[in-house]
Amino acid sequence: MRVLVLSVMIAVSLASCGKYGPPSPPGPAADVHYPRTYPAP
């Protein structure tokens, strides 16, 4: 039971890591040539 609780706590802590907000292309804004996403085919 202790292993299950520990693994759930680790999974929740790792799932909370990450970037929040809308995705943005890498690099400075002046160098972004295509700021919008492509349309779906």
Protein backbone atom coordinates (compact mmCIF):
# COMPACT_ATOMS: atom_id res chain seq x y z
CA MET A 1 0.00 0.00 0.00
CA ARG A 2 2.86 2.36 0.81
CA VAL A 3 4.41 1.80 -2.62
CA LEU A 4 1.12 2.64 -4.31
CA VAL A 5 0.73 5.89 -2.38
CA LEU A 6 4.34 6.84 -3.08
CA SER A 7 4.02 6.15 -6.80
CA VAL A 8 0.80 8.17 -7.02
CA MET A 9 2.45 11.09 -5.23
CA ILE A 10 5.41 10.97 -7.64
CA ALA A 11 3.12 10.77 -10.67
CA VAL A 12 1.05 13.75 -9.50
CA SER A 13 4.12 15.84 -8.77
CA LEU A 14 5.61 15.10 -12.20
CA ALA A 15 2.30 15.78 -13.95
CA SER A 16 2.11 19.23 -12.41
CA CYS A 17 5.43 20.26 -13.97
CA GLY A 18 5.25 21.98 -17.30
CA LYS A 19 4.64 25.20 -19.11
CA TYR A 20 1.30 26.86 -18.76
CA GLY A 21 -0.29 29.31 -21.13
CA PRO A 22 -0.66 29.27 -24.89
CA PRO A 23 2.14 27.70 -26.92
CA SER A 24 4.59 30.09 -28.53
CA PRO A 25 7.31 29.49 -31.12
CA PRO A 26 10.92 29.50 -29.91
CA GLY A 27 13.13 32.51 -30.43
CA PRO A 28 12.57 36.24 -30.34
CA ALA A 29 9.27 37.58 -31.66
CA ALA A 30 11.04 39.57 -34.42
CA ASP A 31 12.39 36.35 -35.96
CA VAL A 32 9.07 34.49 -36.07
CA HIS A 33 7.95 34.42 -39.71
CA TYR A 34 4.76 32.40 -39.31
CA PRO A 35 3.10 33.38 -36.04
CA ARG A 36 -0.11 31.42 -36.69
CA THR A 37 -0.77 27.70 -36.94
CA TYR A 38 -1.40 26.08 -40.28
CA PRO A 39 -4.99 25.08 -41.12
CA ALA A 40 -5.95 21.47 -40.67
CA PRO A 41 -6.00 19.44 -43.92
